[in-house]
Full PDB file with SEQRES, HELIX, SHEET, SSBOND, CRYST1, ORIGX, SCALE, CONECT and MASTER records, all heavy atoms in Angstrom:
SEQRES   1 A   37  ILE TYR LYS ASN GLN GLY GLN ILE LYS GLU ALA LEU ASP          
SEQRES   2 A   37  PHE TYR ALA ARG SER LEU LYS MET GLN GLU GLU PHE GLY          
SEQRES   3 A   37  TYR LYS LEU GLY ILE ALA MET ALA LEU ASN ASN                  
HELIX    1 AA1 TYR A    2  GLN A    5  1                                   4    
HELIX    2 AA2 ILE A    8  GLU A   24  1                                  17    
HELIX    3 AA3 LYS A   28  ASN A   36  1                                   9    
CRYST1    1.000    1.000    1.000  90.00  90.00  90.00 P 1           1          
ORIGX1      1.000000  0.000000  0.000000        0.00000                         
ORIGX2      0.000000  1.000000  0.000000        0.00000                         
ORIGX3      0.000000  0.000000  1.000000        0.00000                         
SCALE1      1.000000  0.000000  0.000000        0.00000                         
SCALE2      0.000000  1.000000  0.000000        0.00000                         
SCALE3      0.000000  0.000000  1.000000        0.00000                         
ATOM      1  N   ILE A   1       5.309  -0.519 -15.472  1.00  0.00           N  
ATOM      2  CA  ILE A   1       4.308   0.538 -15.672  1.00  0.00           C  
ATOM      3  C   ILE A   1       4.063   0.738 -17.225  1.00  0.00           C  
ATOM      4  O   ILE A   1       2.866   0.795 -17.564  1.00  0.00           O  
ATOM      5  CB  ILE A   1       4.791   1.868 -15.074  1.00  0.00           C  
ATOM      6  CG1 ILE A   1       4.915   1.698 -13.547  1.00  0.00           C  
ATOM      7  CG2 ILE A   1       3.769   2.997 -15.353  1.00  0.00           C  
ATOM      8  CD1 ILE A   1       5.497   2.833 -12.780  1.00  0.00           C  
ATOM      9  N   TYR A   2       5.128   0.816 -18.027  1.00  0.00           N  
ATOM     10  CA  TYR A   2       4.943   0.828 -19.430  1.00  0.00           C  
ATOM     11  C   TYR A   2       3.993  -0.294 -19.938  1.00  0.00           C  
ATOM     12  O   TYR A   2       3.198  -0.135 -20.833  1.00  0.00           O  
ATOM     13  CB  TYR A   2       6.239   0.767 -20.153  1.00  0.00           C  
ATOM     14  CG  TYR A   2       6.911   2.037 -20.226  1.00  0.00           C  
ATOM     15  CD1 TYR A   2       8.341   2.190 -19.779  1.00  0.00           C  
ATOM     16  CD2 TYR A   2       6.332   3.288 -20.650  1.00  0.00           C  
ATOM     17  CE1 TYR A   2       8.981   3.484 -19.729  1.00  0.00           C  
ATOM     18  CE2 TYR A   2       7.036   4.451 -20.678  1.00  0.00           C  
ATOM     19  CZ  TYR A   2       8.270   4.560 -20.254  1.00  0.00           C  
ATOM     20  OH  TYR A   2       8.921   5.808 -20.311  1.00  0.00           O  
ATOM     21  N   LYS A   3       4.285  -1.548 -19.427  1.00  0.00           N  
ATOM     22  CA  LYS A   3       3.479  -2.676 -19.721  1.00  0.00           C  
ATOM     23  C   LYS A   3       2.040  -2.472 -19.400  1.00  0.00           C  
ATOM     24  O   LYS A   3       1.117  -2.683 -20.232  1.00  0.00           O  
ATOM     25  CB  LYS A   3       4.058  -3.967 -18.998  1.00  0.00           C  
ATOM     26  CG  LYS A   3       3.161  -5.149 -19.315  1.00  0.00           C  
ATOM     27  CD  LYS A   3       3.740  -6.333 -18.414  1.00  0.00           C  
ATOM     28  CE  LYS A   3       2.767  -7.569 -18.501  1.00  0.00           C  
ATOM     29  NZ  LYS A   3       1.542  -7.355 -17.849  1.00  0.00           N  
ATOM     30  N   ASN A   4       1.807  -1.997 -18.179  1.00  0.00           N  
ATOM     31  CA  ASN A   4       0.372  -1.724 -17.788  1.00  0.00           C  
ATOM     32  C   ASN A   4      -0.319  -0.635 -18.585  1.00  0.00           C  
ATOM     33  O   ASN A   4      -1.563  -0.635 -18.710  1.00  0.00           O  
ATOM     34  CB  ASN A   4       0.386  -1.350 -16.299  1.00  0.00           C  
ATOM     35  CG  ASN A   4       0.747  -2.487 -15.388  1.00  0.00           C  
ATOM     36  OD1 ASN A   4       0.551  -3.731 -15.809  1.00  0.00           O  
ATOM     37  ND2 ASN A   4       1.193  -2.243 -14.151  1.00  0.00           N  
ATOM     38  N   GLN A   5       0.459   0.204 -19.205  1.00  0.00           N  
ATOM     39  CA  GLN A   5      -0.032   1.325 -20.023  1.00  0.00           C  
ATOM     40  C   GLN A   5      -0.269   0.839 -21.458  1.00  0.00           C  
ATOM     41  O   GLN A   5      -0.622   1.550 -22.304  1.00  0.00           O  
ATOM     42  CB  GLN A   5       0.783   2.548 -20.016  1.00  0.00           C  
ATOM     43  CG  GLN A   5       0.838   3.227 -18.621  1.00  0.00           C  
ATOM     44  CD  GLN A   5       1.746   4.412 -18.573  1.00  0.00           C  
ATOM     45  OE1 GLN A   5       2.851   4.371 -19.215  1.00  0.00           O  
ATOM     46  NE2 GLN A   5       1.411   5.430 -17.851  1.00  0.00           N  
ATOM     47  N   GLY A   6       0.230  -0.405 -21.734  1.00  0.00           N  
ATOM     48  CA  GLY A   6       0.194  -1.046 -23.135  1.00  0.00           C  
ATOM     49  C   GLY A   6       1.329  -0.510 -24.064  1.00  0.00           C  
ATOM     50  O   GLY A   6       1.299  -0.727 -25.259  1.00  0.00           O  
ATOM     51  N   GLN A   7       2.379   0.175 -23.481  1.00  0.00           N  
ATOM     52  CA  GLN A   7       3.452   0.627 -24.272  1.00  0.00           C  
ATOM     53  C   GLN A   7       4.548  -0.474 -24.243  1.00  0.00           C  
ATOM     54  O   GLN A   7       5.597  -0.491 -23.590  1.00  0.00           O  
ATOM     55  CB  GLN A   7       4.030   1.904 -23.698  1.00  0.00           C  
ATOM     56  CG  GLN A   7       3.044   3.103 -23.746  1.00  0.00           C  
ATOM     57  CD  GLN A   7       3.553   4.322 -23.027  1.00  0.00           C  
ATOM     58  OE1 GLN A   7       3.140   4.610 -21.923  1.00  0.00           O  
ATOM     59  NE2 GLN A   7       4.442   5.021 -23.662  1.00  0.00           N  
ATOM     60  N   ILE A   8       4.266  -1.472 -25.133  1.00  0.00           N  
ATOM     61  CA  ILE A   8       5.043  -2.699 -25.120  1.00  0.00           C  
ATOM     62  C   ILE A   8       6.523  -2.496 -25.544  1.00  0.00           C  
ATOM     63  O   ILE A   8       7.480  -3.023 -24.923  1.00  0.00           O  
ATOM     64  CB  ILE A   8       4.354  -3.771 -26.014  1.00  0.00           C  
ATOM     65  CG1 ILE A   8       2.945  -3.969 -25.584  1.00  0.00           C  
ATOM     66  CG2 ILE A   8       5.137  -5.089 -25.959  1.00  0.00           C  
ATOM     67  CD1 ILE A   8       2.675  -4.377 -24.183  1.00  0.00           C  
ATOM     68  N   LYS A   9       6.770  -1.765 -26.590  1.00  0.00           N  
ATOM     69  CA  LYS A   9       8.072  -1.552 -27.004  1.00  0.00           C  
ATOM     70  C   LYS A   9       8.942  -0.932 -25.932  1.00  0.00           C  
ATOM     71  O   LYS A   9      10.113  -1.347 -25.765  1.00  0.00           O  
ATOM     72  CB  LYS A   9       8.106  -0.599 -28.284  1.00  0.00           C  
ATOM     73  CG  LYS A   9       9.439  -0.420 -28.860  1.00  0.00           C  
ATOM     74  CD  LYS A   9       9.369   0.524 -30.085  1.00  0.00           C  
ATOM     75  CE  LYS A   9      10.739   0.741 -30.664  1.00  0.00           C  
ATOM     76  NZ  LYS A   9      10.689   1.679 -31.880  1.00  0.00           N  
ATOM     77  N   GLU A  10       8.499   0.136 -25.229  1.00  0.00           N  
ATOM     78  CA  GLU A  10       9.141   0.843 -24.115  1.00  0.00           C  
ATOM     79  C   GLU A  10       9.419  -0.258 -23.023  1.00  0.00           C  
ATOM     80  O   GLU A  10      10.486  -0.231 -22.463  1.00  0.00           O  
ATOM     81  CB  GLU A  10       8.403   1.994 -23.706  1.00  0.00           C  
ATOM     82  CG  GLU A  10       8.341   3.156 -24.656  1.00  0.00           C  
ATOM     83  CD  GLU A  10       7.313   3.047 -25.741  1.00  0.00           C  
ATOM     84  OE1 GLU A  10       6.622   1.991 -25.720  1.00  0.00           O  
ATOM     85  OE2 GLU A  10       7.249   3.930 -26.566  1.00  0.00           O  
ATOM     86  N   ALA A  11       8.393  -1.007 -22.705  1.00  0.00           N  
ATOM     87  CA  ALA A  11       8.483  -2.018 -21.597  1.00  0.00           C  
ATOM     88  C   ALA A  11       9.550  -3.018 -21.874  1.00  0.00           C  
ATOM     89  O   ALA A  11      10.476  -3.299 -21.093  1.00  0.00           O  
ATOM     90  CB  ALA A  11       7.165  -2.778 -21.386  1.00  0.00           C  
ATOM     91  N   LEU A  12       9.637  -3.512 -23.124  1.00  0.00           N  
ATOM     92  CA  LEU A  12      10.684  -4.523 -23.481  1.00  0.00           C  
ATOM     93  C   LEU A  12      12.089  -3.882 -23.412  1.00  0.00           C  
ATOM     94  O   LEU A  12      13.020  -4.484 -22.929  1.00  0.00           O  
ATOM     95  CB  LEU A  12      10.487  -5.001 -24.884  1.00  0.00           C  
ATOM     96  CG  LEU A  12       9.591  -6.252 -24.988  1.00  0.00           C  
ATOM     97  CD1 LEU A  12       9.215  -6.555 -26.440  1.00  0.00           C  
ATOM     98  CD2 LEU A  12      10.319  -7.458 -24.396  1.00  0.00           C  
ATOM     99  N   ASP A  13      12.192  -2.660 -23.936  1.00  0.00           N  
ATOM    100  CA  ASP A  13      13.415  -1.942 -23.861  1.00  0.00           C  
ATOM    101  C   ASP A  13      13.904  -1.792 -22.387  1.00  0.00           C  
ATOM    102  O   ASP A  13      15.150  -2.103 -22.115  1.00  0.00           O  
ATOM    103  CB  ASP A  13      13.324  -0.584 -24.417  1.00  0.00           C  
ATOM    104  CG  ASP A  13      14.637   0.226 -24.437  1.00  0.00           C  
ATOM    105  OD1 ASP A  13      15.665  -0.267 -24.942  1.00  0.00           O  
ATOM    106  OD2 ASP A  13      14.663   1.320 -24.002  1.00  0.00           O  
ATOM    107  N   PHE A  14      13.047  -1.360 -21.555  1.00  0.00           N  
ATOM    108  CA  PHE A  14      13.525  -1.186 -20.071  1.00  0.00           C  
ATOM    109  C   PHE A  14      13.840  -2.524 -19.393  1.00  0.00           C  
ATOM    110  O   PHE A  14      14.713  -2.585 -18.650  1.00  0.00           O  
ATOM    111  CB  PHE A  14      12.389  -0.419 -19.332  1.00  0.00           C  
ATOM    112  CG  PHE A  14      12.628   1.088 -19.431  1.00  0.00           C  
ATOM    113  CD1 PHE A  14      12.343   1.793 -20.734  1.00  0.00           C  
ATOM    114  CD2 PHE A  14      12.907   1.906 -18.342  1.00  0.00           C  
ATOM    115  CE1 PHE A  14      12.458   3.158 -20.817  1.00  0.00           C  
ATOM    116  CE2 PHE A  14      13.030   3.199 -18.464  1.00  0.00           C  
ATOM    117  CZ  PHE A  14      12.847   3.889 -19.714  1.00  0.00           C  
ATOM    118  N   TYR A  15      13.078  -3.547 -19.769  1.00  0.00           N  
ATOM    119  CA  TYR A  15      13.279  -4.856 -19.150  1.00  0.00           C  
ATOM    120  C   TYR A  15      14.645  -5.361 -19.483  1.00  0.00           C  
ATOM    121  O   TYR A  15      15.454  -5.966 -18.805  1.00  0.00           O  
ATOM    122  CB  TYR A  15      12.247  -5.875 -19.542  1.00  0.00           C  
ATOM    123  CG  TYR A  15      10.968  -5.826 -18.650  1.00  0.00           C  
ATOM    124  CD1 TYR A  15       9.704  -6.016 -19.283  1.00  0.00           C  
ATOM    125  CD2 TYR A  15      11.010  -5.568 -17.302  1.00  0.00           C  
ATOM    126  CE1 TYR A  15       8.519  -5.987 -18.518  1.00  0.00           C  
ATOM    127  CE2 TYR A  15       9.860  -5.579 -16.514  1.00  0.00           C  
ATOM    128  CZ  TYR A  15       8.609  -5.776 -17.108  1.00  0.00           C  
ATOM    129  OH  TYR A  15       7.582  -5.782 -16.360  1.00  0.00           O  
ATOM    130  N   ALA A  16      14.896  -5.251 -20.895  1.00  0.00           N  
ATOM    131  CA  ALA A  16      16.137  -5.677 -21.489  1.00  0.00           C  
ATOM    132  C   ALA A  16      17.462  -4.969 -20.858  1.00  0.00           C  
ATOM    133  O   ALA A  16      18.432  -5.543 -20.490  1.00  0.00           O  
ATOM    134  CB  ALA A  16      16.146  -5.637 -22.919  1.00  0.00           C  
ATOM    135  N   ARG A  17      17.313  -3.661 -20.708  1.00  0.00           N  
ATOM    136  CA  ARG A  17      18.235  -2.878 -20.086  1.00  0.00           C  
ATOM    137  C   ARG A  17      18.560  -3.292 -18.592  1.00  0.00           C  
ATOM    138  O   ARG A  17      19.763  -3.355 -18.169  1.00  0.00           O  
ATOM    139  CB  ARG A  17      17.978  -1.412 -20.161  1.00  0.00           C  
ATOM    140  CG  ARG A  17      18.067  -0.777 -21.480  1.00  0.00           C  
ATOM    141  CD  ARG A  17      17.445   0.603 -21.652  1.00  0.00           C  
ATOM    142  NE  ARG A  17      18.068   1.572 -20.767  1.00  0.00           N  
ATOM    143  CZ  ARG A  17      17.554   2.794 -20.468  1.00  0.00           C  
ATOM    144  NH1 ARG A  17      16.467   3.161 -21.053  1.00  0.00           N  
ATOM    145  NH2 ARG A  17      18.136   3.544 -19.665  1.00  0.00           N  
ATOM    146  N   SER A  18      17.463  -3.511 -17.867  1.00  0.00           N  
ATOM    147  CA  SER A  18      17.621  -3.901 -16.512  1.00  0.00           C  
ATOM    148  C   SER A  18      18.242  -5.212 -16.423  1.00  0.00           C  
ATOM    149  O   SER A  18      19.218  -5.464 -15.547  1.00  0.00           O  
ATOM    150  CB  SER A  18      16.184  -4.054 -15.885  1.00  0.00           C  
ATOM    151  OG  SER A  18      16.273  -4.613 -14.535  1.00  0.00           O  
ATOM    152  N   LEU A  19      17.759  -6.233 -17.239  1.00  0.00           N  
ATOM    153  CA  LEU A  19      18.372  -7.661 -17.233  1.00  0.00           C  
ATOM    154  C   LEU A  19      19.835  -7.582 -17.518  1.00  0.00           C  
ATOM    155  O   LEU A  19      20.654  -8.219 -16.954  1.00  0.00           O  
ATOM    156  CB  LEU A  19      17.590  -8.475 -18.184  1.00  0.00           C  
ATOM    157  CG  LEU A  19      18.081  -9.952 -18.347  1.00  0.00           C  
ATOM    158  CD1 LEU A  19      18.113 -10.668 -16.981  1.00  0.00           C  
ATOM    159  CD2 LEU A  19      17.284 -10.693 -19.322  1.00  0.00           C  
ATOM    160  N   LYS A  20      20.291  -6.753 -18.514  1.00  0.00           N  
ATOM    161  CA  LYS A  20      21.694  -6.700 -18.925  1.00  0.00           C  
ATOM    162  C   LYS A  20      22.565  -6.235 -17.702  1.00  0.00           C  
ATOM    163  O   LYS A  20      23.629  -6.754 -17.420  1.00  0.00           O  
ATOM    164  CB  LYS A  20      21.855  -5.703 -20.093  1.00  0.00           C  
ATOM    165  CG  LYS A  20      23.250  -5.664 -20.661  1.00  0.00           C  
ATOM    166  CD  LYS A  20      23.263  -4.659 -21.799  1.00  0.00           C  
ATOM    167  CE  LYS A  20      24.776  -4.546 -22.299  1.00  0.00           C  
ATOM    168  NZ  LYS A  20      24.894  -3.567 -23.480  1.00  0.00           N  
ATOM    169  N   MET A  21      22.099  -5.167 -16.992  1.00  0.00           N  
ATOM    170  CA  MET A  21      22.775  -4.702 -15.885  1.00  0.00           C  
ATOM    171  C   MET A  21      22.807  -5.686 -14.784  1.00  0.00           C  
ATOM    172  O   MET A  21      23.860  -5.843 -14.145  1.00  0.00           O  
ATOM    173  CB  MET A  21      22.072  -3.362 -15.324  1.00  0.00           C  
ATOM    174  CG  MET A  21      22.231  -2.218 -16.268  1.00  0.00           C  
ATOM    175  SD  MET A  21      21.739  -0.671 -15.521  1.00  0.00           S  
ATOM    176  CE  MET A  21      23.009  -0.346 -14.294  1.00  0.00           C  
ATOM    177  N   GLN A  22      21.806  -6.363 -14.475  1.00  0.00           N  
ATOM    178  CA  GLN A  22      21.696  -7.393 -13.471  1.00  0.00           C  
ATOM    179  C   GLN A  22      22.709  -8.460 -13.748  1.00  0.00           C  
ATOM    180  O   GLN A  22      23.402  -9.005 -12.819  1.00  0.00           O  
ATOM    181  CB  GLN A  22      20.284  -8.015 -13.361  1.00  0.00           C  
ATOM    182  CG  GLN A  22      19.239  -7.030 -13.058  1.00  0.00           C  
ATOM    183  CD  GLN A  22      18.958  -6.516 -11.646  1.00  0.00           C  
ATOM    184  OE1 GLN A  22      19.953  -6.687 -10.918  1.00  0.00           O  
ATOM    185  NE2 GLN A  22      17.948  -5.930 -11.410  1.00  0.00           N  
ATOM    186  N   GLU A  23      22.852  -8.885 -14.985  1.00  0.00           N  
ATOM    187  CA  GLU A  23      23.748  -9.968 -15.320  1.00  0.00           C  
ATOM    188  C   GLU A  23      25.209  -9.520 -15.248  1.00  0.00           C  
ATOM    189  O   GLU A  23      26.095 -10.391 -14.956  1.00  0.00           O  
ATOM    190  CB  GLU A  23      23.418 -10.498 -16.772  1.00  0.00           C  
ATOM    191  CG  GLU A  23      22.220 -11.261 -16.782  1.00  0.00           C  
ATOM    192  CD  GLU A  23      21.858 -11.857 -18.147  1.00  0.00           C  
ATOM    193  OE1 GLU A  23      22.193 -11.289 -19.180  1.00  0.00           O  
ATOM    194  OE2 GLU A  23      21.222 -12.893 -18.227  1.00  0.00           O  
ATOM    195  N   GLU A  24      25.497  -8.233 -15.518  1.00  0.00           N  
ATOM    196  CA  GLU A  24      26.766  -7.753 -15.503  1.00  0.00           C  
ATOM    197  C   GLU A  24      27.477  -7.784 -14.077  1.00  0.00           C  
ATOM    198  O   GLU A  24      28.666  -8.112 -13.957  1.00  0.00           O  
ATOM    199  CB  GLU A  24      26.844  -6.297 -15.992  1.00  0.00           C  
ATOM    200  CG  GLU A  24      26.794  -6.237 -17.528  1.00  0.00           C  
ATOM    201  CD  GLU A  24      26.756  -4.843 -18.044  1.00  0.00           C  
ATOM    202  OE1 GLU A  24      26.756  -3.869 -17.268  1.00  0.00           O  
ATOM    203  OE2 GLU A  24      26.715  -4.642 -19.259  1.00  0.00           O  
ATOM    204  N   PHE A  25      26.574  -7.539 -13.003  1.00  0.00           N  
ATOM    205  CA  PHE A  25      27.212  -7.618 -11.701  1.00  0.00           C  
ATOM    206  C   PHE A  25      26.604  -8.801 -10.934  1.00  0.00           C  
ATOM    207  O   PHE A  25      26.720  -8.898  -9.695  1.00  0.00           O  
ATOM    208  CB  PHE A  25      27.036  -6.253 -10.938  1.00  0.00           C  
ATOM    209  CG  PHE A  25      25.641  -5.661 -10.970  1.00  0.00           C  
ATOM    210  CD1 PHE A  25      24.630  -6.212 -10.118  1.00  0.00           C  
ATOM    211  CD2 PHE A  25      25.443  -4.633 -11.698  1.00  0.00           C  
ATOM    212  CE1 PHE A  25      23.416  -5.572 -10.086  1.00  0.00           C  
ATOM    213  CE2 PHE A  25      24.160  -3.992 -11.660  1.00  0.00           C  
ATOM    214  CZ  PHE A  25      23.100  -4.428 -10.901  1.00  0.00           C  
ATOM    215  N   GLY A  26      25.949  -9.789 -11.690  1.00  0.00           N  
ATOM    216  CA  GLY A  26      25.636 -11.114 -11.043  1.00  0.00           C  
ATOM    217  C   GLY A  26      24.603 -10.955  -9.940  1.00  0.00           C  
ATOM    218  O   GLY A  26      24.681 -11.836  -8.951  1.00  0.00           O  
ATOM    219  N   TYR A  27      23.519 -10.073  -9.947  1.00  0.00           N  
ATOM    220  CA  TYR A  27      22.631 -10.018  -8.952  1.00  0.00           C  
ATOM    221  C   TYR A  27      21.474 -10.997  -9.261  1.00  0.00           C  
ATOM    222  O   TYR A  27      20.596 -10.720 -10.110  1.00  0.00           O  
ATOM    223  CB  TYR A  27      22.068  -8.624  -8.809  1.00  0.00           C  
ATOM    224  CG  TYR A  27      21.060  -8.387  -7.674  1.00  0.00           C  
ATOM    225  CD1 TYR A  27      21.238  -8.948  -6.417  1.00  0.00           C  
ATOM    226  CD2 TYR A  27      19.890  -7.695  -7.991  1.00  0.00           C  
ATOM    227  CE1 TYR A  27      20.345  -8.702  -5.374  1.00  0.00           C  
ATOM    228  CE2 TYR A  27      18.943  -7.512  -6.913  1.00  0.00           C  
ATOM    229  CZ  TYR A  27      19.197  -7.990  -5.715  1.00  0.00           C  
ATOM    230  OH  TYR A  27      18.224  -7.825  -4.659  1.00  0.00           O  
ATOM    231  N   LYS A  28      21.429 -12.120  -8.590  1.00  0.00           N  
ATOM    232  CA  LYS A  28      20.493 -13.224  -9.044  1.00  0.00           C  
ATOM    233  C   LYS A  28      19.034 -12.897  -8.861  1.00  0.00           C  
ATOM    234  O   LYS A  28      18.224 -13.309  -9.651  1.00  0.00           O  
ATOM    235  CB  LYS A  28      20.940 -14.516  -8.292  1.00  0.00           C  
ATOM    236  CG  LYS A  28      22.209 -15.110  -8.776  1.00  0.00           C  
ATOM    237  CD  LYS A  28      22.485 -16.446  -8.121  1.00  0.00           C  
ATOM    238  CE  LYS A  28      23.838 -17.109  -8.561  1.00  0.00           C  
ATOM    239  NZ  LYS A  28      24.129 -18.350  -7.994  1.00  0.00           N  
ATOM    240  N   LEU A  29      18.642 -12.175  -7.792  1.00  0.00           N  
ATOM    241  CA  LEU A  29      17.267 -11.905  -7.554  1.00  0.00           C  
ATOM    242  C   LEU A  29      16.869 -10.938  -8.659  1.00  0.00           C  
ATOM    243  O   LEU A  29      15.744 -11.176  -9.255  1.00  0.00           O  
ATOM    244  CB  LEU A  29      17.004 -11.228  -6.175  1.00  0.00           C  
ATOM    245  CG  LEU A  29      15.711 -10.773  -5.769  1.00  0.00           C  
ATOM    246  CD1 LEU A  29      14.628 -11.898  -5.927  1.00  0.00           C  
ATOM    247  CD2 LEU A  29      15.560 -10.085  -4.482  1.00  0.00           C  
ATOM    248  N   GLY A  30      17.613  -9.991  -9.038  1.00  0.00           N  
ATOM    249  CA  GLY A  30      17.240  -8.968 -10.016  1.00  0.00           C  
ATOM    250  C   GLY A  30      17.191  -9.799 -11.386  1.00  0.00           C  
ATOM    251  O   GLY A  30      16.290  -9.449 -12.240  1.00  0.00           O  
ATOM    252  N   ILE A  31      18.115 -10.648 -11.629  1.00  0.00           N  
ATOM    253  CA  ILE A  31      18.010 -11.490 -12.915  1.00  0.00           C  
ATOM    254  C   ILE A  31      16.656 -12.204 -13.018  1.00  0.00           C  
ATOM    255  O   ILE A  31      16.032 -12.167 -14.008  1.00  0.00           O  
ATOM    256  CB  ILE A  31      19.288 -12.366 -12.987  1.00  0.00           C  
ATOM    257  CG1 ILE A  31      20.630 -11.590 -13.110  1.00  0.00           C  
ATOM    258  CG2 ILE A  31      19.079 -13.333 -14.235  1.00  0.00           C  
ATOM    259  CD1 ILE A  31      21.765 -12.454 -12.948  1.00  0.00           C  
ATOM    260  N   ALA A  32      16.393 -12.874 -11.971  1.00  0.00           N  
ATOM    261  CA  ALA A  32      15.176 -13.671 -11.873  1.00  0.00           C  
ATOM    262  C   ALA A  32      13.855 -12.903 -12.106  1.00  0.00           C  
ATOM    263  O   ALA A  32      12.989 -13.228 -12.875  1.00  0.00           O  
ATOM    264  CB  ALA A  32      15.034 -14.427 -10.480  1.00  0.00           C  
ATOM    265  N   MET A  33      13.859 -11.642 -11.476  1.00  0.00           N  
ATOM    266  CA  MET A  33      12.692 -10.821 -11.650  1.00  0.00           C  
ATOM    267  C   MET A  33      12.617 -10.250 -13.007  1.00  0.00           C  
ATOM    268  O   MET A  33      11.480 -10.257 -13.625  1.00  0.00           O  
ATOM    269  CB  MET A  33      12.799  -9.668 -10.597  1.00  0.00           C  
ATOM    270  CG  MET A  33      12.458 -10.062  -9.169  1.00  0.00           C  
ATOM    271  SD  MET A  33      10.796 -10.876  -8.960  1.00  0.00           S  
ATOM    272  CE  MET A  33       9.793  -9.607  -9.566  1.00  0.00           C  
ATOM    273  N   ALA A  34      13.742  -9.929 -13.614  1.00  0.00           N  
ATOM    274  CA  ALA A  34      13.624  -9.384 -14.972  1.00  0.00           C  
ATOM    275  C   ALA A  34      13.237 -10.499 -16.030  1.00  0.00           C  
ATOM    276  O   ALA A  34      12.464 -10.264 -16.909  1.00  0.00           O  
ATOM    277  CB  ALA A  34      15.093  -8.866 -15.335  1.00  0.00           C  
ATOM    278  N   LEU A  35      13.740 -11.668 -15.798  1.00  0.00           N  
ATOM    279  CA  LEU A  35      13.339 -12.837 -16.691  1.00  0.00           C  
ATOM    280  C   LEU A  35      11.881 -13.063 -16.443  1.00  0.00           C  
ATOM    281  O   LEU A  35      11.212 -13.349 -17.474  1.00  0.00           O  
ATOM    282  CB  LEU A  35      14.179 -14.079 -16.287  1.00  0.00           C  
ATOM    283  CG  LEU A  35      15.664 -14.039 -16.564  1.00  0.00           C  
ATOM    284  CD1 LEU A  35      16.391 -15.227 -16.025  1.00  0.00           C  
ATOM    285  CD2 LEU A  35      15.772 -14.170 -18.188  1.00  0.00           C  
ATOM    286  N   ASN A  36      11.430 -13.032 -15.241  1.00  0.00           N  
ATOM    287  CA  ASN A  36      10.038 -13.282 -14.944  1.00  0.00           C  
ATOM    288  C   ASN A  36       9.096 -12.273 -15.707  1.00  0.00           C  
ATOM    289  O   ASN A  36       8.103 -12.609 -16.331  1.00  0.00           O  
ATOM    290  CB  ASN A  36       9.748 -13.200 -13.511  1.00  0.00           C  
ATOM    291  CG  ASN A  36       8.404 -13.634 -13.065  1.00  0.00           C  
ATOM    292  OD1 ASN A  36       7.394 -12.827 -13.283  1.00  0.00           O  
ATOM    293  ND2 ASN A  36       8.191 -14.768 -12.436  1.00  0.00           N  
ATOM    294  N   ASN A  37       9.480 -11.038 -15.567  1.00  0.00           N  
ATOM    295  CA  ASN A  37       8.730  -9.930 -16.234  1.00  0.00           C  
ATOM    296  C   ASN A  37       8.730  -9.987 -17.668  1.00  0.00           C  
ATOM    297  O   ASN A  37       7.646  -9.730 -18.397  1.00  0.00           O  
ATOM    298  CB  ASN A  37       9.183  -8.551 -15.676  1.00  0.00           C  
ATOM    299  CG  ASN A  37       8.797  -8.280 -14.273  1.00  0.00           C  
ATOM    300  OD1 ASN A  37       7.830  -8.840 -13.736  1.00  0.00           O  
ATOM    301  ND2 ASN A  37       9.695  -7.600 -13.557  1.00  0.00           N  
TER     302      ASN A  37                                                      
MASTER        0    0    0    3    0    0    0    6  301    1    0    3          
END                                                                             
């Protein structure tokens, strides 16, 4: 949503936080989606 609103810094921050959590507990679908986004 931040991305769609043009708030790139916030979008990157939220994506990175999500990706870090997904990798910590090894959820592959979540990792793939975060990398994609």
